[in-house]
Amino acid sequence: MEDALFTTPAVPAFARAGLINDKGELVGIGSLFVRRHFADQLVPENMFVLIEAIQPILSELIEQGQVSKPPKPWLGVIVAEQYGRVLVQSFSKNSPASQSGLAAGDLILKINEVVGSDLEELLWVSGGKVKLECVFQ
């Protein structure tokens, strides 16, 4: 997936919610809660996966319950942008991040050798393995 749609204000019950345009058409499905910089402050937003990204894989999802392509890595880490860096806040239970030695307050500096200065770089990381360079608190 190359792009997503971010909405503000954030709504707590966004997950799997439909995003409808002014014509009554479904244009996205709620996927993730994020905080992004806007006008020198962190603003809570919801990320929606666009329907056009789902349509090419929809028949596979319906028939098999999953896609045949290898999944993008899932870290299970909850982060926020802070001062141009990605700050670890907490983890999903039994996630790779919870077993990695990371702790709340750690800063992620690089993601797969790329300077990880914002949340989007972390969200769109690709490949089978993820290598993080961090500052541990």
N, C-alpha and C. Protein backbone atom coordinates (compact mmCIF):
# COMPACT_ATOMS: atom_id res chain seq x y z
N MET A 1 0.84 -1.16 0.00
CA MET A 1 0.00 0.00 0.00
C MET A 1 0.90 1.23 0.00
N GLU A 2 0.69 2.10 -0.94
CA GLU A 2 1.52 3.29 -1.08
C GLU A 2 1.00 4.46 -0.27
N ASP A 3 -0.31 4.60 -0.17
CA ASP A 3 -0.89 5.76 0.49
C ASP A 3 -2.03 5.35 1.42
N ALA A 4 -2.35 6.25 2.30
CA ALA A 4 -3.50 6.08 3.18
C ALA A 4 -4.13 7.46 3.35
N LEU A 5 -5.28 7.49 3.97
CA LEU A 5 -5.98 8.74 4.22
C LEU A 5 -6.02 8.95 5.73
N PHE A 6 -5.63 10.14 6.17
CA PHE A 6 -5.60 10.46 7.59
C PHE A 6 -6.71 11.46 7.89
N THR A 7 -7.46 11.21 8.97
CA THR A 7 -8.57 12.09 9.33
C THR A 7 -8.36 12.68 10.72
N THR A 8 -8.80 13.91 10.87
CA THR A 8 -8.75 14.63 12.13
C THR A 8 -10.08 15.36 12.28
N PRO A 9 -10.71 15.36 13.42
CA PRO A 9 -10.23 14.84 14.70
C PRO A 9 -10.31 13.32 14.75
N ALA A 10 -9.46 12.77 15.60
CA ALA A 10 -9.45 11.32 15.76
C ALA A 10 -10.71 10.87 16.51
N VAL A 11 -11.19 9.71 16.14
CA VAL A 11 -12.36 9.11 16.78
C VAL A 11 -11.92 7.80 17.43
N PRO A 12 -12.23 7.57 18.71
CA PRO A 12 -11.75 6.37 19.39
C PRO A 12 -12.26 5.07 18.77
N ALA A 13 -13.46 5.03 18.22
CA ALA A 13 -14.03 3.80 17.67
C ALA A 13 -13.92 3.78 16.15
N PHE A 14 -12.72 4.02 15.63
CA PHE A 14 -12.51 4.10 14.18
C PHE A 14 -12.20 2.75 13.56
N ALA A 15 -11.66 1.82 14.32
CA ALA A 15 -11.17 0.56 13.75
C ALA A 15 -12.27 -0.17 13.00
N ARG A 16 -11.99 -0.50 11.78
CA ARG A 16 -12.90 -1.20 10.86
C ARG A 16 -14.11 -0.34 10.48
N ALA A 17 -14.08 0.95 10.83
CA ALA A 17 -15.18 1.86 10.47
C ALA A 17 -15.07 2.22 8.99
N GLY A 18 -16.20 2.40 8.36
CA GLY A 18 -16.20 2.82 6.97
C GLY A 18 -16.05 4.33 6.86
N LEU A 19 -15.27 4.77 5.90
CA LEU A 19 -15.11 6.19 5.60
C LEU A 19 -15.91 6.47 4.33
N ILE A 20 -16.91 7.31 4.44
CA ILE A 20 -17.86 7.56 3.36
C ILE A 20 -17.63 8.96 2.80
N ASN A 21 -17.63 9.08 1.46
CA ASN A 21 -17.48 10.41 0.86
C ASN A 21 -18.83 11.11 0.76
N ASP A 22 -18.86 12.31 0.20
CA ASP A 22 -20.09 13.10 0.14
C ASP A 22 -21.13 12.54 -0.84
N LYS A 23 -20.74 11.51 -1.61
CA LYS A 23 -21.68 10.84 -2.53
C LYS A 23 -22.25 9.56 -1.91
N GLY A 24 -21.85 9.27 -0.67
CA GLY A 24 -22.33 8.07 -0.01
C GLY A 24 -21.55 6.82 -0.38
N GLU A 25 -20.38 6.98 -0.99
CA GLU A 25 -19.55 5.85 -1.42
C GLU A 25 -18.51 5.51 -0.35
N LEU A 26 -18.27 4.22 -0.17
CA LEU A 26 -17.23 3.78 0.74
C LEU A 26 -15.87 4.05 0.11
N VAL A 27 -15.01 4.83 0.76
CA VAL A 27 -13.71 5.16 0.20
C VAL A 27 -12.55 4.64 1.04
N GLY A 28 -12.83 4.21 2.29
CA GLY A 28 -11.75 3.72 3.13
C GLY A 28 -12.28 2.93 4.32
N ILE A 29 -11.34 2.20 4.95
CA ILE A 29 -11.67 1.41 6.14
C ILE A 29 -10.66 1.78 7.22
N GLY A 30 -11.19 2.08 8.43
CA GLY A 30 -10.34 2.49 9.54
C GLY A 30 -9.33 1.42 9.91
N SER A 31 -8.06 1.86 10.12
CA SER A 31 -7.00 0.89 10.34
C SER A 31 -6.10 1.19 11.53
N LEU A 32 -5.80 2.46 11.82
CA LEU A 32 -4.75 2.75 12.80
C LEU A 32 -4.95 4.12 13.42
N PHE A 33 -4.62 4.25 14.72
CA PHE A 33 -4.60 5.54 15.42
C PHE A 33 -3.17 6.04 15.39
N VAL A 34 -2.95 7.29 14.97
CA VAL A 34 -1.60 7.87 14.92
C VAL A 34 -1.62 9.27 15.49
N ARG A 35 -0.44 9.79 15.76
CA ARG A 35 -0.26 11.20 16.12
C ARG A 35 0.73 11.77 15.12
N ARG A 36 0.34 12.87 14.47
CA ARG A 36 1.20 13.48 13.45
C ARG A 36 1.36 14.96 13.74
N HIS A 37 2.49 15.51 13.26
CA HIS A 37 2.74 16.94 13.44
C HIS A 37 1.85 17.77 12.53
N PHE A 38 1.25 18.80 13.09
CA PHE A 38 0.46 19.77 12.34
C PHE A 38 0.56 21.09 13.08
N ALA A 39 1.03 22.12 12.40
CA ALA A 39 1.15 23.46 12.99
C ALA A 39 1.90 23.42 14.33
N ASP A 40 3.07 22.79 14.33
CA ASP A 40 3.95 22.73 15.50
C ASP A 40 3.36 22.03 16.72
N GLN A 41 2.43 21.09 16.50
CA GLN A 41 1.91 20.30 17.61
C GLN A 41 1.58 18.89 17.12
N LEU A 42 1.48 17.96 18.05
CA LEU A 42 1.07 16.61 17.72
C LEU A 42 -0.44 16.54 17.73
N VAL A 43 -1.01 16.05 16.65
CA VAL A 43 -2.45 15.98 16.51
C VAL A 43 -2.85 14.51 16.36
N PRO A 44 -3.82 14.01 17.15
CA PRO A 44 -4.29 12.64 16.98
C PRO A 44 -5.10 12.52 15.70
N GLU A 45 -4.84 11.44 14.95
CA GLU A 45 -5.54 11.19 13.69
C GLU A 45 -5.86 9.72 13.57
N ASN A 46 -6.79 9.40 12.69
CA ASN A 46 -7.09 8.03 12.32
C ASN A 46 -6.58 7.80 10.91
N MET A 47 -5.97 6.64 10.68
CA MET A 47 -5.50 6.27 9.35
C MET A 47 -6.50 5.31 8.74
N PHE A 48 -6.92 5.59 7.52
CA PHE A 48 -7.85 4.74 6.80
C PHE A 48 -7.15 4.16 5.57
N VAL A 49 -7.31 2.85 5.37
CA VAL A 49 -6.81 2.19 4.17
C VAL A 49 -7.82 2.48 3.06
N LEU A 50 -7.33 2.95 1.94
CA LEU A 50 -8.21 3.30 0.83
C LEU A 50 -8.78 2.05 0.16
N ILE A 51 -10.04 2.12 -0.22
CA ILE A 51 -10.72 0.99 -0.88
C ILE A 51 -10.00 0.59 -2.15
N GLU A 52 -9.47 1.57 -2.87
CA GLU A 52 -8.76 1.24 -4.11
C GLU A 52 -7.53 0.35 -3.86
N ALA A 53 -6.97 0.41 -2.65
CA ALA A 53 -5.84 -0.47 -2.30
C ALA A 53 -6.33 -1.87 -1.96
N ILE A 54 -7.58 -1.99 -1.50
CA ILE A 54 -8.14 -3.29 -1.10
C ILE A 54 -8.72 -4.04 -2.30
N GLN A 55 -9.28 -3.33 -3.26
CA GLN A 55 -9.97 -3.97 -4.38
C GLN A 55 -9.14 -5.03 -5.11
N PRO A 56 -7.85 -4.79 -5.39
CA PRO A 56 -7.08 -5.82 -6.11
C PRO A 56 -6.91 -7.13 -5.34
N ILE A 57 -7.04 -7.10 -4.03
CA ILE A 57 -6.84 -8.31 -3.22
C ILE A 57 -8.12 -8.82 -2.58
N LEU A 58 -9.24 -8.16 -2.87
CA LEU A 58 -10.50 -8.50 -2.21
C LEU A 58 -10.94 -9.93 -2.45
N SER A 59 -10.88 -10.41 -3.69
CA SER A 59 -11.34 -11.78 -3.96
C SER A 59 -10.49 -12.80 -3.20
N GLU A 60 -9.18 -12.57 -3.12
CA GLU A 60 -8.30 -13.46 -2.35
C GLU A 60 -8.66 -13.44 -0.86
N LEU A 61 -8.95 -12.26 -0.33
CA LEU A 61 -9.33 -12.15 1.07
C LEU A 61 -10.62 -12.92 1.35
N ILE A 62 -11.58 -12.79 0.45
CA ILE A 62 -12.86 -13.48 0.63
C ILE A 62 -12.69 -14.99 0.53
N GLU A 63 -11.94 -15.46 -0.47
CA GLU A 63 -11.78 -16.89 -0.71
C GLU A 63 -10.87 -17.58 0.30
N GLN A 64 -9.75 -16.92 0.67
CA GLN A 64 -8.74 -17.57 1.50
C GLN A 64 -8.59 -16.97 2.89
N GLY A 65 -9.18 -15.81 3.10
CA GLY A 65 -9.04 -15.15 4.39
C GLY A 65 -7.73 -14.41 4.56
N GLN A 66 -6.89 -14.43 3.54
CA GLN A 66 -5.60 -13.74 3.55
C GLN A 66 -5.10 -13.61 2.13
N VAL A 67 -4.06 -12.82 1.94
CA VAL A 67 -3.47 -12.67 0.61
C VAL A 67 -2.27 -13.60 0.48
N SER A 68 -1.93 -13.95 -0.75
CA SER A 68 -0.83 -14.88 -0.98
C SER A 68 0.53 -14.21 -0.89
N LYS A 69 0.58 -12.89 -1.00
CA LYS A 69 1.86 -12.18 -0.88
C LYS A 69 2.35 -12.24 0.56
N PRO A 70 3.67 -12.24 0.75
CA PRO A 70 4.19 -12.21 2.13
C PRO A 70 3.72 -10.95 2.84
N PRO A 71 3.37 -11.05 4.12
CA PRO A 71 2.91 -9.87 4.85
C PRO A 71 4.03 -8.88 5.09
N LYS A 72 3.66 -7.62 5.23
CA LYS A 72 4.63 -6.62 5.67
C LYS A 72 4.89 -6.88 7.15
N PRO A 73 6.06 -6.54 7.63
CA PRO A 73 6.38 -6.84 9.02
C PRO A 73 5.45 -6.10 9.98
N TRP A 74 5.13 -6.78 11.07
CA TRP A 74 4.33 -6.19 12.14
C TRP A 74 5.20 -6.14 13.38
N LEU A 75 5.40 -4.95 13.89
CA LEU A 75 6.22 -4.80 15.08
C LEU A 75 5.39 -4.85 16.36
N GLY A 76 4.18 -4.32 16.32
CA GLY A 76 3.35 -4.28 17.51
C GLY A 76 3.81 -3.25 18.51
N VAL A 77 4.42 -2.19 18.02
CA VAL A 77 4.89 -1.12 18.90
C VAL A 77 3.99 0.10 18.71
N ILE A 78 3.67 0.75 19.81
CA ILE A 78 2.85 1.96 19.78
C ILE A 78 3.80 3.13 19.97
N VAL A 79 3.83 4.01 18.96
CA VAL A 79 4.80 5.10 18.94
C VAL A 79 4.11 6.44 18.71
N ALA A 80 4.86 7.50 18.95
CA ALA A 80 4.41 8.86 18.64
C ALA A 80 5.62 9.65 18.15
N GLU A 81 5.37 10.62 17.30
CA GLU A 81 6.44 11.52 16.88
C GLU A 81 6.67 12.53 17.99
N GLN A 82 7.96 12.79 18.26
CA GLN A 82 8.29 13.80 19.25
C GLN A 82 9.61 14.42 18.86
N TYR A 83 9.60 15.73 18.63
CA TYR A 83 10.80 16.46 18.26
C TYR A 83 11.51 15.86 17.06
N GLY A 84 10.75 15.44 16.07
CA GLY A 84 11.34 14.89 14.86
C GLY A 84 11.88 13.48 15.01
N ARG A 85 11.49 12.81 16.06
CA ARG A 85 11.93 11.42 16.29
C ARG A 85 10.72 10.57 16.61
N VAL A 86 10.90 9.26 16.52
CA VAL A 86 9.82 8.32 16.83
C VAL A 86 10.06 7.78 18.24
N LEU A 87 9.10 8.06 19.13
CA LEU A 87 9.20 7.70 20.54
C LEU A 87 8.35 6.48 20.83
N VAL A 88 8.94 5.46 21.46
CA VAL A 88 8.22 4.25 21.85
C VAL A 88 7.35 4.59 23.06
N GLN A 89 6.03 4.31 22.94
CA GLN A 89 5.11 4.54 24.06
C GLN A 89 4.76 3.25 24.78
N SER A 90 4.38 2.20 24.02
CA SER A 90 4.06 0.90 24.60
C SER A 90 4.02 -0.14 23.49
N PHE A 91 3.51 -1.34 23.82
CA PHE A 91 3.54 -2.45 22.88
C PHE A 91 2.22 -3.21 22.88
N SER A 92 1.97 -3.90 21.79
CA SER A 92 0.87 -4.87 21.75
C SER A 92 1.35 -6.13 22.47
N LYS A 93 0.43 -6.79 23.16
CA LYS A 93 0.76 -8.00 23.91
C LYS A 93 1.34 -9.07 22.97
N ASN A 94 2.41 -9.72 23.40
CA ASN A 94 3.07 -10.81 22.67
C ASN A 94 3.53 -10.41 21.27
N SER A 95 3.86 -9.15 21.07
CA SER A 95 4.33 -8.68 19.77
C SER A 95 5.84 -8.84 19.67
N PRO A 96 6.39 -8.81 18.43
CA PRO A 96 7.84 -8.83 18.29
C PRO A 96 8.51 -7.69 19.07
N ALA A 97 7.88 -6.51 19.07
CA ALA A 97 8.46 -5.37 19.80
C ALA A 97 8.51 -5.63 21.29
N SER A 98 7.49 -6.29 21.85
CA SER A 98 7.46 -6.55 23.29
C SER A 98 8.54 -7.54 23.71
N GLN A 99 9.02 -8.33 22.76
CA GLN A 99 10.06 -9.32 23.05
C GLN A 99 11.45 -8.86 22.61
N SER A 100 11.56 -7.62 22.11
CA SER A 100 12.81 -7.16 21.50
C SER A 100 13.78 -6.49 22.46
N GLY A 101 13.31 -6.12 23.64
CA GLY A 101 14.17 -5.37 24.55
C GLY A 101 13.89 -3.88 24.53
N LEU A 102 13.03 -3.42 23.62
CA LEU A 102 12.62 -2.02 23.63
C LEU A 102 11.82 -1.73 24.88
N ALA A 103 11.81 -0.46 25.29
CA ALA A 103 11.03 -0.05 26.45
C ALA A 103 10.37 1.30 26.16
N ALA A 104 9.31 1.58 26.89
CA ALA A 104 8.65 2.88 26.77
C ALA A 104 9.67 3.98 27.03
N GLY A 105 9.68 4.99 26.18
CA GLY A 105 10.63 6.09 26.30
C GLY A 105 11.82 5.98 25.37
N ASP A 106 12.05 4.80 24.78
CA ASP A 106 13.14 4.64 23.82
C ASP A 106 12.83 5.43 22.56
N LEU A 107 13.86 5.93 21.90
CA LEU A 107 13.72 6.64 20.63
C LEU A 107 14.20 5.75 19.50
N ILE A 108 13.42 5.64 18.43
CA ILE A 108 13.83 4.89 17.24
C ILE A 108 14.50 5.88 16.30
N LEU A 109 15.79 5.68 16.03
CA LEU A 109 16.55 6.60 15.20
C LEU A 109 16.61 6.19 13.74
N LYS A 110 16.72 4.87 13.50
CA LYS A 110 16.81 4.37 12.13
C LYS A 110 15.91 3.16 11.96
N ILE A 111 15.36 3.03 10.76
CA ILE A 111 14.53 1.89 10.41
C ILE A 111 15.09 1.32 9.12
N ASN A 112 15.59 0.09 9.16
CA ASN A 112 16.25 -0.52 7.99
C ASN A 112 17.28 0.41 7.38
N GLU A 113 18.17 0.94 8.23
CA GLU A 113 19.28 1.81 7.84
C GLU A 113 18.86 3.19 7.36
N VAL A 114 17.56 3.53 7.42
CA VAL A 114 17.08 4.84 7.01
C VAL A 114 16.75 5.62 8.27
N VAL A 115 17.17 6.89 8.32
CA VAL A 115 16.88 7.71 9.48
C VAL A 115 15.37 7.78 9.66
N GLY A 116 14.89 7.33 10.81
CA GLY A 116 13.45 7.26 11.08
C GLY A 116 12.96 8.50 11.79
N SER A 117 12.90 9.61 11.07
CA SER A 117 12.56 10.87 11.72
C SER A 117 11.06 11.11 11.83
N ASP A 118 10.24 10.29 11.19
CA ASP A 118 8.81 10.50 11.36
C ASP A 118 8.05 9.18 11.33
N LEU A 119 6.82 9.28 11.77
CA LEU A 119 5.98 8.10 11.94
C LEU A 119 5.69 7.40 10.63
N GLU A 120 5.52 8.14 9.53
CA GLU A 120 5.21 7.51 8.25
C GLU A 120 6.31 6.57 7.81
N GLU A 121 7.57 6.92 8.07
CA GLU A 121 8.66 6.01 7.71
C GLU A 121 8.52 4.68 8.43
N LEU A 122 8.10 4.72 9.67
CA LEU A 122 7.90 3.49 10.43
C LEU A 122 6.70 2.72 9.92
N LEU A 123 5.61 3.41 9.57
CA LEU A 123 4.41 2.75 9.09
C LEU A 123 4.62 2.03 7.78
N TRP A 124 5.41 2.59 6.89
CA TRP A 124 5.53 2.05 5.53
C TRP A 124 6.80 1.23 5.34
N VAL A 125 7.48 0.87 6.41
CA VAL A 125 8.67 0.05 6.28
C VAL A 125 8.30 -1.27 5.60
N SER A 126 9.15 -1.73 4.71
CA SER A 126 8.83 -2.98 4.01
C SER A 126 9.98 -3.96 4.12
N GLY A 127 9.72 -5.19 3.74
CA GLY A 127 10.73 -6.23 3.82
C GLY A 127 10.36 -7.25 4.87
N GLY A 128 11.03 -8.41 4.86
CA GLY A 128 10.71 -9.48 5.78
C GLY A 128 11.22 -9.24 7.19
N LYS A 129 12.32 -8.48 7.31
CA LYS A 129 12.88 -8.21 8.63
C LYS A 129 13.03 -6.71 8.79
N VAL A 130 12.94 -6.27 10.01
CA VAL A 130 13.07 -4.86 10.33
C VAL A 130 14.24 -4.70 11.28
N LYS A 131 15.17 -3.82 10.92
CA LYS A 131 16.31 -3.54 11.78
C LYS A 131 16.14 -2.12 12.32
N LEU A 132 16.09 -1.99 13.65
CA LEU A 132 15.93 -0.69 14.29
C LEU A 132 17.22 -0.29 14.96
N GLU A 133 17.54 1.00 14.88
CA GLU A 133 18.63 1.57 15.68
C GLU A 133 17.97 2.53 16.64
N CYS A 134 18.23 2.33 17.94
CA CYS A 134 17.48 3.07 18.96
C CYS A 134 18.41 3.69 19.99
N VAL A 135 17.86 4.65 20.72
CA VAL A 135 18.46 5.17 21.93
C VAL A 135 17.60 4.61 23.06
N PHE A 136 18.21 3.86 23.94
CA PHE A 136 17.49 3.22 25.03
C PHE A 136 17.52 4.10 26.27
N GLN A 137 16.39 4.24 26.93
CA GLN A 137 16.28 5.09 28.14
C GLN A 137 16.63 4.29 29.37
